[in-house]
C-alpha atoms as a PDB file:
ATOM      1  CA  MET A   1     127.572  89.777  31.256  1.00  0.00           C
ATOM      2  CA  GLU A   2     126.044  86.309  31.608  1.00  0.00           C
ATOM      3  CA  LEU A   3     123.857  84.878  34.346  1.00  0.00           C
ATOM      4  CA  ARG A   4     126.301  82.009  34.945  1.00  0.00           C
ATOM      5  CA  GLN A   5     129.058  84.536  35.648  1.00  0.00           C
ATOM      6  CA  ILE A   6     126.877  86.121  38.318  1.00  0.00           C
ATOM      7  CA  ILE A   7     126.057  82.713  39.822  1.00  0.00           C
ATOM      8  CA  TYR A   8     129.734  81.738  39.886  1.00  0.00           C
ATOM      9  CA  PHE A   9     130.639  85.073  41.456  1.00  0.00           C
ATOM     10  CA  ILE A  10     128.026  84.730  44.235  1.00  0.00           C
ATOM     11  CA  GLU A  11     129.125  81.177  45.044  1.00  0.00           C
ATOM     12  CA  VAL A  12     132.799  82.173  45.336  1.00  0.00           C
ATOM     13  CA  ALA A  13     131.859  85.209  47.434  1.00  0.00           C
ATOM     14  CA  LYS A  14     129.807  82.997  49.744  1.00  0.00           C
ATOM     15  CA  ARG A  15     132.477  80.327  50.203  1.00  0.00           C
ATOM     16  CA  GLU A  16     135.523  82.602  49.881  1.00  0.00           C
ATOM     17  CA  HIS A  17     137.232  79.767  48.025  1.00  0.00           C
ATOM     18  CA  VAL A  18     137.256  79.027  44.288  1.00  0.00           C
ATOM     19  CA  THR A  19     137.831  75.268  44.640  1.00  0.00           C
ATOM     20  CA  ARG A  20     134.961  74.815  47.115  1.00  0.00           C
ATOM     21  CA  ALA A  21     132.680  76.893  44.934  1.00  0.00           C
ATOM     22  CA  ALA A  22     133.564  74.722  41.926  1.00  0.00           C
ATOM     23  CA  GLU A  23     132.872  71.547  43.903  1.00  0.00           C
ATOM     24  CA  ASN A  24     129.485  72.817  45.051  1.00  0.00           C
ATOM     25  CA  LEU A  25     128.489  73.909  41.540  1.00  0.00           C
ATOM     26  CA  HIS A  26     129.921  70.715  39.972  1.00  0.00           C
ATOM     27  CA  VAL A  27     131.993  72.622  37.432  1.00  0.00           C
ATOM     28  CA  ALA A  28     135.726  72.859  36.789  1.00  0.00           C
ATOM     29  CA  GLN A  29     137.689  75.324  38.887  1.00  0.00           C
ATOM     30  CA  SER A  30     139.250  76.722  35.740  1.00  0.00           C
ATOM     31  CA  ALA A  31     135.780  77.473  34.321  1.00  0.00           C
ATOM     32  CA  ILE A  32     134.873  79.523  37.379  1.00  0.00           C
ATOM     33  CA  SER A  33     138.191  81.375  37.366  1.00  0.00           C
ATOM     34  CA  ARG A  34     137.829  82.202  33.678  1.00  0.00           C
ATOM     35  CA  GLN A  35     134.243  83.447  33.958  1.00  0.00           C
ATOM     36  CA  ILE A  36     135.058  85.650  36.959  1.00  0.00           C
ATOM     37  CA  ALA A  37     138.084  87.045  35.087  1.00  0.00           C
ATOM     38  CA  LEU A  38     135.789  87.897  32.151  1.00  0.00           C
ATOM     39  CA  LEU A  39     133.320  89.502  34.549  1.00  0.00           C
ATOM     40  CA  GLU A  40     136.056  91.610  36.172  1.00  0.00           C
ATOM     41  CA  SER A  41     137.341  92.614  32.745  1.00  0.00           C
ATOM     42  CA  GLU A  42     133.863  93.750  31.684  1.00  0.00           C
ATOM     43  CA  LEU A  43     133.345  95.685  34.921  1.00  0.00           C
ATOM     44  CA  GLY A  44     136.843  97.150  34.789  1.00  0.00           C
ATOM     45  CA  THR A  45     137.684  96.380  38.407  1.00  0.00           C
ATOM     46  CA  PRO A  46     138.815  93.388  40.488  1.00  0.00           C
ATOM     47  CA  LEU A  47     136.079  91.786  42.575  1.00  0.00           C
ATOM     48  CA  PHE A  48     138.295  89.547  44.717  1.00  0.00           C
ATOM     49  CA  GLU A  49     141.669  89.727  46.394  1.00  0.00           C
ATOM     50  CA  ARG A  50     143.623  86.643  47.441  1.00  0.00           C
ATOM     51  CA  GLU A  51     144.411  85.782  51.071  1.00  0.00           C
ATOM     52  CA  GLY A  52     146.469  82.617  50.957  1.00  0.00           C
ATOM     53  CA  ARG A  53     144.265  79.901  49.487  1.00  0.00           C
ATOM     54  CA  ASN A  54     141.126  81.913  50.176  1.00  0.00           C
ATOM     55  CA  VAL A  55     139.685  84.937  48.414  1.00  0.00           C
ATOM     56  CA  LYS A  56     137.976  88.006  49.863  1.00  0.00           C
ATOM     57  CA  LEU A  57     135.672  90.503  48.228  1.00  0.00           C
ATOM     58  CA  THR A  58     137.142  93.877  47.385  1.00  0.00           C
ATOM     59  CA  HIS A  59     135.116  96.987  48.198  1.00  0.00           C
ATOM     60  CA  MET A  60     133.665  96.995  44.678  1.00  0.00           C
ATOM     61  CA  GLY A  61     133.093  93.255  44.976  1.00  0.00           C
ATOM     62  CA  LYS A  62     130.857  93.874  47.999  1.00  0.00           C
ATOM     63  CA  VAL A  63     128.935  96.527  46.084  1.00  0.00           C
ATOM     64  CA  PHE A  64     128.477  94.210  43.102  1.00  0.00           C
ATOM     65  CA  LEU A  65     127.422  91.284  45.348  1.00  0.00           C
ATOM     66  CA  GLU A  66     124.465  93.240  46.727  1.00  0.00           C
ATOM     67  CA  HIS A  67     123.122  93.814  43.205  1.00  0.00           C
ATOM     68  CA  ALA A  68     124.089  90.349  41.937  1.00  0.00           C
ATOM     69  CA  GLU A  69     122.010  88.664  44.636  1.00  0.00           C
ATOM     70  CA  ARG A  70     119.021  90.795  43.664  1.00  0.00           C
ATOM     71  CA  ILE A  71     119.472  89.736  40.024  1.00  0.00           C
ATOM     72  CA  VAL A  72     119.379  86.036  40.942  1.00  0.00           C
ATOM     73  CA  ILE A  73     116.347  86.539  43.207  1.00  0.00           C
ATOM     74  CA  GLU A  74     114.511  88.332  40.409  1.00  0.00           C
ATOM     75  CA  MET A  75     115.419  85.608  37.915  1.00  0.00           C
ATOM     76  CA  ASP A  76     114.133  82.939  40.279  1.00  0.00           C
ATOM     77  CA  LYS A  77     110.929  84.910  40.809  1.00  0.00           C
ATOM     78  CA  ALA A  78     110.576  85.337  37.056  1.00  0.00           C
ATOM     79  CA  LYS A  79     110.772  81.554  36.590  1.00  0.00           C
ATOM     80  CA  GLU A  80     108.216  81.039  39.366  1.00  0.00           C
ATOM     81  CA  ARG A  81     105.875  83.598  37.813  1.00  0.00           C
ATOM     82  CA  VAL A  82     106.057  81.928  34.402  1.00  0.00           C
ATOM     83  CA  GLU A  83     105.355  78.534  35.987  1.00  0.00           C
ATOM     84  CA  GLU A  84     102.468  79.975  37.994  1.00  0.00           C
ATOM     85  CA  PHE A  85     100.918  81.624  34.952  1.00  0.00           C
ATOM     86  CA  LEU A  86     101.131  78.303  33.175  1.00  0.00           C
ATOM     87  CA  ASN A  87      99.600  76.558  36.187  1.00  0.00           C
ATOM     88  CA  PRO A  88      98.505  78.851  39.088  1.00  0.00           C
ATOM     89  CA  GLU A  89      97.263  75.839  41.075  1.00  0.00           C
ATOM     90  CA  LYS A  90     100.804  74.534  41.672  1.00  0.00           C
ATOM     91  CA  GLY A  91     103.750  76.013  43.500  1.00  0.00           C
ATOM     92  CA  VAL A  92     104.719  77.714  46.740  1.00  0.00           C
ATOM     93  CA  ILE A  93     103.237  80.901  48.196  1.00  0.00           C
ATOM     94  CA  HIS A  94     105.769  82.897  50.214  1.00  0.00           C
ATOM     95  CA  LEU A  95     103.702  84.398  53.015  1.00  0.00           C
ATOM     96  CA  GLY A  96     104.893  86.844  55.637  1.00  0.00           C
ATOM     97  CA  PHE A  97     103.547  86.705  59.166  1.00  0.00           C
ATOM     98  CA  SER A  98     103.888  89.364  61.848  1.00  0.00           C
ATOM     99  CA  SER A  99     105.474  88.097  65.070  1.00  0.00           C
ATOM    100  CA  SER A 100     102.700  89.860  67.016  1.00  0.00           C
ATOM    101  CA  LEU A 101     100.203  87.438  65.445  1.00  0.00           C
ATOM    102  CA  SER A 102      99.732  83.777  66.220  1.00  0.00           C
ATOM    103  CA  VAL A 103      99.876  81.252  63.400  1.00  0.00           C
ATOM    104  CA  HIS A 104      97.587  79.002  65.492  1.00  0.00           C
ATOM    105  CA  THR A 105      94.638  81.365  65.056  1.00  0.00           C
ATOM    106  CA  PHE A 106      94.854  81.166  61.266  1.00  0.00           C
ATOM    107  CA  THR A 107      94.997  77.380  60.918  1.00  0.00           C
ATOM    108  CA  ARG A 108      91.328  77.260  59.915  1.00  0.00           C
ATOM    109  CA  VAL A 109      92.013  79.688  57.060  1.00  0.00           C
ATOM    110  CA  PHE A 110      95.012  77.719  55.818  1.00  0.00           C
ATOM    111  CA  THR A 111      93.164  74.394  56.132  1.00  0.00           C
ATOM    112  CA  GLN A 112      90.201  75.558  54.060  1.00  0.00           C
ATOM    113  CA  PHE A 113      92.446  77.135  51.433  1.00  0.00           C
ATOM    114  CA  ARG A 114      94.474  73.932  51.084  1.00  0.00           C
ATOM    115  CA  GLU A 115      91.256  71.930  50.704  1.00  0.00           C
ATOM    116  CA  GLU A 116      90.316  74.082  47.708  1.00  0.00           C
ATOM    117  CA  HIS A 117      93.875  74.294  46.326  1.00  0.00           C
ATOM    118  CA  PRO A 118      95.673  71.099  47.431  1.00  0.00           C
ATOM    119  CA  ASN A 119      98.704  71.567  45.169  1.00  0.00           C
ATOM    120  CA  LEU A 120      99.604  74.987  46.548  1.00  0.00           C
ATOM    121  CA  HIS A 121     101.917  75.126  49.556  1.00  0.00           C
ATOM    122  CA  PHE A 122     103.015  77.826  51.992  1.00  0.00           C
ATOM    123  CA  GLN A 123     106.453  78.979  52.989  1.00  0.00           C
ATOM    124  CA  LEU A 124     105.990  81.182  56.068  1.00  0.00           C
ATOM    125  CA  LEU A 125     108.352  83.988  57.017  1.00  0.00           C
ATOM    126  CA  GLN A 126     107.849  85.539  60.467  1.00  0.00           C
ATOM    127  CA  GLY A 127     109.144  88.866  61.720  1.00  0.00           C
ATOM    128  CA  THR A 128     108.278  92.375  62.846  1.00  0.00           C
ATOM    129  CA  LYS A 129     106.107  94.663  60.743  1.00  0.00           C
ATOM    130  CA  LYS A 130     109.183  96.669  59.712  1.00  0.00           C
ATOM    131  CA  TYR A 131     111.027  93.496  58.687  1.00  0.00           C
ATOM    132  CA  LEU A 132     108.103  92.231  56.581  1.00  0.00           C
ATOM    133  CA  MET A 133     107.717  95.581  54.842  1.00  0.00           C
ATOM    134  CA  GLN A 134     111.421  95.476  53.965  1.00  0.00           C
ATOM    135  CA  LYS A 135     110.946  91.971  52.549  1.00  0.00           C
ATOM    136  CA  ILE A 136     108.074  93.183  50.373  1.00  0.00           C
ATOM    137  CA  GLU A 137     110.136  96.154  49.219  1.00  0.00           C
ATOM    138  CA  LYS A 138     113.006  93.805  48.221  1.00  0.00           C
ATOM    139  CA  GLY A 139     110.600  91.471  46.416  1.00  0.00           C
ATOM    140  CA  ASP A 140     111.221  88.485  48.695  1.00  0.00           C
ATOM    141  CA  ILE A 141     107.497  88.235  49.504  1.00  0.00           C
ATOM    142  CA  ASP A 142     104.364  89.821  48.070  1.00  0.00           C
ATOM    143  CA  ILE A 143     101.786  89.267  50.810  1.00  0.00           C
ATOM    144  CA  ALA A 144     101.989  89.346  54.603  1.00  0.00           C
ATOM    145  CA  PHE A 145      99.605  89.080  57.553  1.00  0.00           C
ATOM    146  CA  ILE A 146     100.158  92.066  59.802  1.00  0.00           C
ATOM    147  CA  ALA A 147      98.755  93.988  62.759  1.00  0.00           C
ATOM    148  CA  PRO A 148      98.043  96.809  62.950  1.00  0.00           C
ATOM    149  CA  VAL A 149      97.432  97.199  59.226  1.00  0.00           C
ATOM    150  CA  VAL A 150      99.444  99.877  57.398  1.00  0.00           C
ATOM    151  CA  THR A 151      97.100 102.439  55.839  1.00  0.00           C
ATOM    152  CA  ASP A 152      99.399 105.086  54.328  1.00  0.00           C
ATOM    153  CA  HIS A 153     102.737 103.937  52.945  1.00  0.00           C
ATOM    154  CA  PRO A 154     104.505 104.516  49.576  1.00  0.00           C
ATOM    155  CA  ILE A 155     105.578 100.871  49.150  1.00  0.00           C
ATOM    156  CA  VAL A 156     102.717  98.733  50.490  1.00  0.00           C
ATOM    157  CA  LYS A 157      98.938  98.896  50.646  1.00  0.00           C
ATOM    158  CA  GLY A 158      96.924  97.405  53.471  1.00  0.00           C
ATOM    159  CA  ASP A 159      93.580  95.621  53.712  1.00  0.00           C
ATOM    160  CA  THR A 160      91.920  95.210  57.094  1.00  0.00           C
ATOM    161  CA  PHE A 161      90.063  91.920  57.609  1.00  0.00           C
ATOM    162  CA  PHE A 162      88.989  92.353  61.237  1.00  0.00           C
ATOM    163  CA  THR A 163      89.784  94.141  64.487  1.00  0.00           C
ATOM    164  CA  GLU A 164      90.670  92.646  67.843  1.00  0.00           C
ATOM    165  CA  LYS A 165      91.223  93.848  71.388  1.00  0.00           C
ATOM    166  CA  LEU A 166      94.473  93.692  73.300  1.00  0.00           C
ATOM    167  CA  LEU A 167      93.611  92.236  76.713  1.00  0.00           C
ATOM    168  CA  LEU A 168      95.363  92.328  80.048  1.00  0.00           C
ATOM    169  CA  LEU A 169      96.645  88.932  81.226  1.00  0.00           C
ATOM    170  CA  LEU A 170      97.006  88.462  84.986  1.00  0.00           C
ATOM    171  CA  PRO A 171      97.943  85.704  87.418  1.00  0.00           C
ATOM    172  CA  GLU A 172      94.707  84.398  88.959  1.00  0.00           C
ATOM    173  CA  ASN A 173      95.557  85.796  92.416  1.00  0.00           C
ATOM    174  CA  HIS A 174      96.210  89.350  91.158  1.00  0.00           C
ATOM    175  CA  TYR A 175      94.060  92.004  92.853  1.00  0.00           C
ATOM    176  CA  LEU A 176      92.931  93.448  89.475  1.00  0.00           C
ATOM    177  CA  CYS A 177      91.282  90.155  88.439  1.00  0.00           C
ATOM    178  CA  SER A 178      88.062  91.284  90.139  1.00  0.00           C
ATOM    179  CA  GLU A 179      87.878  94.437  88.024  1.00  0.00           C
ATOM    180  CA  PRO A 180      85.545  94.307  84.986  1.00  0.00           C
ATOM    181  CA  ILE A 181      87.773  96.779  83.138  1.00  0.00           C
ATOM    182  CA  VAL A 182      91.149  98.327  83.946  1.00  0.00           C
ATOM    183  CA  ARG A 183      92.579 101.755  83.177  1.00  0.00           C
ATOM    184  CA  ILE A 184      96.180 101.818  81.995  1.00  0.00           C
ATOM    185  CA  GLY A 185      97.073 104.136  84.879  1.00  0.00           C
ATOM    186  CA  GLN A 186      96.243 101.340  87.322  1.00  0.00           C
ATOM    187  CA  LEU A 187      99.219  99.374  85.961  1.00  0.00           C
ATOM    188  CA  ALA A 188     101.858 101.817  87.217  1.00  0.00           C
ATOM    189  CA  GLY A 189     104.383  99.898  89.284  1.00  0.00           C
ATOM    190  CA  GLU A 190     103.476  96.538  87.722  1.00  0.00           C
ATOM    191  CA  ARG A 191     106.136  94.363  86.118  1.00  0.00           C
ATOM    192  CA  PHE A 192     105.417  93.690  82.433  1.00  0.00           C
ATOM    193  CA  VAL A 193     106.096  90.412  80.635  1.00  0.00           C
ATOM    194  CA  THR A 194     105.992  91.590  77.051  1.00  0.00           C
ATOM    195  CA  PHE A 195     107.439  91.778  73.541  1.00  0.00           C
ATOM    196  CA  ARG A 196     110.662  93.369  72.353  1.00  0.00           C
ATOM    197  CA  SER A 197     110.775  97.130  71.814  1.00  0.00           C
ATOM    198  CA  ASP A 198     110.416  96.840  68.012  1.00  0.00           C
ATOM    199  CA  SER A 199     107.046  95.054  68.305  1.00  0.00           C
ATOM    200  CA  SER A 200     103.855  97.000  67.539  1.00  0.00           C
ATOM    201  CA  ILE A 201     102.213  95.703  70.741  1.00  0.00           C
ATOM    202  CA  ARG A 202     105.192  96.827  72.814  1.00  0.00           C
ATOM    203  CA  ARG A 203     105.108 100.275  71.206  1.00  0.00           C
ATOM    204  CA  THR A 204     101.384 100.514  72.031  1.00  0.00           C
ATOM    205  CA  ILE A 205     102.098  99.587  75.658  1.00  0.00           C
ATOM    206  CA  ASP A 206     105.005 102.035  75.988  1.00  0.00           C
ATOM    207  CA  LYS A 207     103.029 104.889  74.455  1.00  0.00           C
ATOM    208  CA  ALA A 208      99.924 104.286  76.590  1.00  0.00           C
ATOM    209  CA  CYS A 209     101.985 104.049  79.795  1.00  0.00           C
ATOM    210  CA  ASN A 210     103.890 107.227  78.957  1.00  0.00           C
ATOM    211  CA  GLN A 211     100.641 109.078  78.293  1.00  0.00           C
ATOM    212  CA  ALA A 212      99.399 107.842  81.688  1.00  0.00           C
ATOM    213  CA  GLY A 213     102.495 109.327  83.306  1.00  0.00           C
ATOM    214  CA  PHE A 214     104.738 106.351  83.995  1.00  0.00           C
ATOM    215  CA  GLU A 215     107.402 104.137  82.453  1.00  0.00           C
ATOM    216  CA  PRO A 216     106.538 100.422  82.290  1.00  0.00           C
ATOM    217  CA  ILE A 217     108.803  98.139  84.300  1.00  0.00           C
ATOM    218  CA  ILE A 218     109.942  95.375  81.934  1.00  0.00           C
ATOM    219  CA  ALA A 219     110.494  92.032  83.654  1.00  0.00           C
ATOM    220  CA  PHE A 220     110.845  90.071  80.414  1.00  0.00           C
ATOM    221  CA  GLU A 221     110.841  90.825  76.707  1.00  0.00           C
ATOM    222  CA  GLY A 222     110.680  88.262  73.921  1.00  0.00           C
ATOM    223  CA  GLU A 223     108.767  87.195  70.833  1.00  0.00           C
ATOM    224  CA  ASP A 224     106.821  84.067  71.773  1.00  0.00           C
ATOM    225  CA  MET A 225     103.236  84.453  73.037  1.00  0.00           C
ATOM    226  CA  ASP A 226     103.189  81.077  74.790  1.00  0.00           C
ATOM    227  CA  THR A 227     106.297  82.071  76.738  1.00  0.00           C
ATOM    228  CA  ILE A 228     104.589  85.283  77.865  1.00  0.00           C
ATOM    229  CA  LYS A 229     101.512  83.306  78.971  1.00  0.00           C
ATOM    230  CA  GLY A 230     103.680  80.868  80.900  1.00  0.00           C
ATOM    231  CA  LEU A 231     105.643  83.599  82.681  1.00  0.00           C
ATOM    232  CA  VAL A 232     102.471  85.434  83.682  1.00  0.00           C
ATOM    233  CA  SER A 233     101.118  82.126  84.988  1.00  0.00           C
ATOM    234  CA  ALA A 234     104.319  81.739  87.030  1.00  0.00           C
ATOM    235  CA  GLY A 235     103.755  85.152  88.605  1.00  0.00           C
ATOM    236  CA  LEU A 236     106.680  86.973  86.984  1.00  0.00           C
ATOM    237  CA  GLY A 237     104.469  89.861  85.898  1.00  0.00           C
ATOM    238  CA  ILE A 238     101.466  90.920  83.843  1.00  0.00           C
ATOM    239  CA  GLY A 239     101.048  90.693  80.063  1.00  0.00           C
ATOM    240  CA  ILE A 240      99.061  92.326  77.293  1.00  0.00           C
ATOM    241  CA  LEU A 241      98.211  90.087  74.352  1.00  0.00           C
ATOM    242  CA  PRO A 242      95.731  90.055  71.428  1.00  0.00           C
ATOM    243  CA  GLU A 243      92.443  88.360  72.306  1.00  0.00           C
ATOM    244  CA  LEU A 244      92.885  85.640  69.650  1.00  0.00           C
ATOM    245  CA  ALA A 245      95.996  84.487  71.493  1.00  0.00           C
ATOM    246  CA  PHE A 246      93.788  83.355  74.369  1.00  0.00           C
ATOM    247  CA  SER A 247      91.955  80.807  72.214  1.00  0.00           C
ATOM    248  CA  TYR A 248      94.760  78.244  72.593  1.00  0.00           C
ATOM    249  CA  ASN A 249      97.394  77.108  75.141  1.00  0.00           C
ATOM    250  CA  LEU A 250      95.995  79.313  77.895  1.00  0.00           C
ATOM    251  CA  PRO A 251      97.171  78.263  81.392  1.00  0.00           C
ATOM    252  CA  LYS A 252      94.377  77.578  83.890  1.00  0.00           C
ATOM    253  CA  ASP A 253      95.769  79.901  86.551  1.00  0.00           C
ATOM    254  CA  VAL A 254      95.546  83.178  84.588  1.00  0.00           C
ATOM    255  CA  ARG A 255      92.727  85.653  83.995  1.00  0.00           C
ATOM    256  CA  THR A 256      92.002  88.218  81.260  1.00  0.00           C
ATOM    257  CA  VAL A 257      90.636  91.723  81.805  1.00  0.00           C
ATOM    258  CA  GLU A 258      89.702  94.406  79.270  1.00  0.00           C
ATOM    259  CA  ILE A 259      91.669  97.661  79.112  1.00  0.00           C
ATOM    260  CA  GLU A 260      89.822 100.981  78.998  1.00  0.00           C
ATOM    261  CA  ASP A 261      91.823 102.580  76.212  1.00  0.00           C
ATOM    262  CA  PRO A 262      90.932 102.794  72.480  1.00  0.00           C
ATOM    263  CA  SER A 263      94.591 102.332  71.515  1.00  0.00           C
ATOM    264  CA  PHE A 264      94.304  98.710  72.682  1.00  0.00           C
ATOM    265  CA  ILE A 265      92.096  97.803  69.717  1.00  0.00           C
ATOM    266  CA  ARG A 266      94.023  96.998  66.569  1.00  0.00           C
ATOM    267  CA  SER A 267      93.348  96.125  62.945  1.00  0.00           C
ATOM    268  CA  VAL A 268      94.424  92.788  61.457  1.00  0.00           C
ATOM    269  CA  GLY A 269      94.832  92.121  57.754  1.00  0.00           C
ATOM    270  CA  VAL A 270      97.397  91.864  54.985  1.00  0.00           C
ATOM    271  CA  ILE A 271      99.816  94.113  53.167  1.00  0.00           C
ATOM    272  CA  THR A 272     100.770  93.749  49.497  1.00  0.00           C
ATOM    273  CA  PRO A 273     103.094  95.749  47.208  1.00  0.00           C
ATOM    274  CA  LYS A 274     101.687  98.847  45.535  1.00  0.00           C
ATOM    275  CA  LYS A 275     103.982  98.685  42.519  1.00  0.00           C
ATOM    276  CA  ARG A 276     103.901  94.954  41.722  1.00  0.00           C
ATOM    277  CA  GLU A 277     101.113  92.705  40.582  1.00  0.00           C
ATOM    278  CA  LEU A 278     100.501  89.601  42.662  1.00  0.00           C
ATOM    279  CA  ALA A 279     101.303  86.251  41.092  1.00  0.00           C
ATOM    280  CA  PRO A 280      98.265  84.141  40.095  1.00  0.00           C
ATOM    281  CA  SER A 281      98.638  81.814  43.090  1.00  0.00           C
ATOM    282  CA  GLU A 282      98.933  84.825  45.409  1.00  0.00           C
ATOM    283  CA  LYS A 283      95.813  86.312  43.851  1.00  0.00           C
ATOM    284  CA  LEU A 284      94.000  83.064  44.641  1.00  0.00           C
ATOM    285  CA  LEU A 285      95.044  83.350  48.291  1.00  0.00           C
ATOM    286  CA  TYR A 286      94.245  87.067  48.480  1.00  0.00           C
ATOM    287  CA  GLY A 287      90.765  86.549  47.020  1.00  0.00           C
ATOM    288  CA  PHE A 288      90.155  83.620  49.352  1.00  0.00           C
ATOM    289  CA  LEU A 289      91.159  85.682  52.411  1.00  0.00           C
ATOM    290  CA  LYS A 290      88.892  88.570  51.436  1.00  0.00           C
ATOM    291  CA  SER A 291      85.954  86.203  50.924  1.00  0.00           C
ATOM    292  CA  PHE A 292      86.661  84.198  54.107  1.00  0.00           C
ATOM    293  CA  TYR A 293      86.743  87.200  56.429  1.00  0.00           C
ATOM    294  CA  ASP A 294      83.837  88.898  54.696  1.00  0.00           C
ATOM    295  CA  ARG A 295      81.700  85.796  55.321  1.00  0.00           C
ATOM    296  CA  LEU A 296      82.956  85.574  58.902  1.00  0.00           C
ATOM    297  CA  TYR A 297      82.131  89.241  59.552  1.00  0.00           C
ATOM    298  CA  ARG A 298      78.610  88.897  58.144  1.00  0.00           C
ATOM    299  CA  PHE A 299      78.078  85.771  60.282  1.00  0.00           C
ATOM    300  CA  GLN A 300      79.162  87.640  63.437  1.00  0.00           C
ATOM    301  CA  LEU A 301      76.785  90.465  62.637  1.00  0.00           C
END
């Protein structure tokens, strides 16, 4: 089995057409057909079935495609690793970012890192904590900002850099704005402008409300913090957001209030794979992050 056979197979599977695959790969159609025939002969099963001028994956073709794509990803990563070991100051760092965090609050970190390592670039991938952990497990990324930080997991290990409060966001005319601190039970009957149900912040809200004896009324659920701020400002409901989110794009007609509940304090940090070593460029970033937040913590003390 050759790598080019796998590449040809994936391209045909993606386009469902041998001629189009050949055009995209800039090779002869006959070459692709021959290599796939050799691959099927070696595997002992057909991978495609014809439907007019198109082709469709057979059941075994779908099974093989899942593993073939992993092979190509691993080969690409292997090339990147070799290049990084030869020159760790060049390349692209694939960095995951939890959707419950704001990229805006980390611009200072990225700016300082780029000043020290100008030839390294970031490719950011945003999603839920579960999604990012799946990406690390598959090998698509090796480091991700996350909150709260995972502390006991067979696939990833977590490092906490700092903790932050989750604060209540209210329209400026809301009667709770005058309160120095609010109990979660006082929010029964309020309409929540919040994140989707798979978000860690949303799970914290749901759990706290349930423990207080009520179900939160969801007026809006989404993924964008600025949207939540804007809807609270418009009076559609109340929100609960991490305190760092209030350092930018905060409407003038909203107010923040602390919540009297220890579950509304969360850890922020990164997760990395337990069973894989970080690439040299990723080690540079990881070391920089540890040093940056250690200095910041000592300064705050």
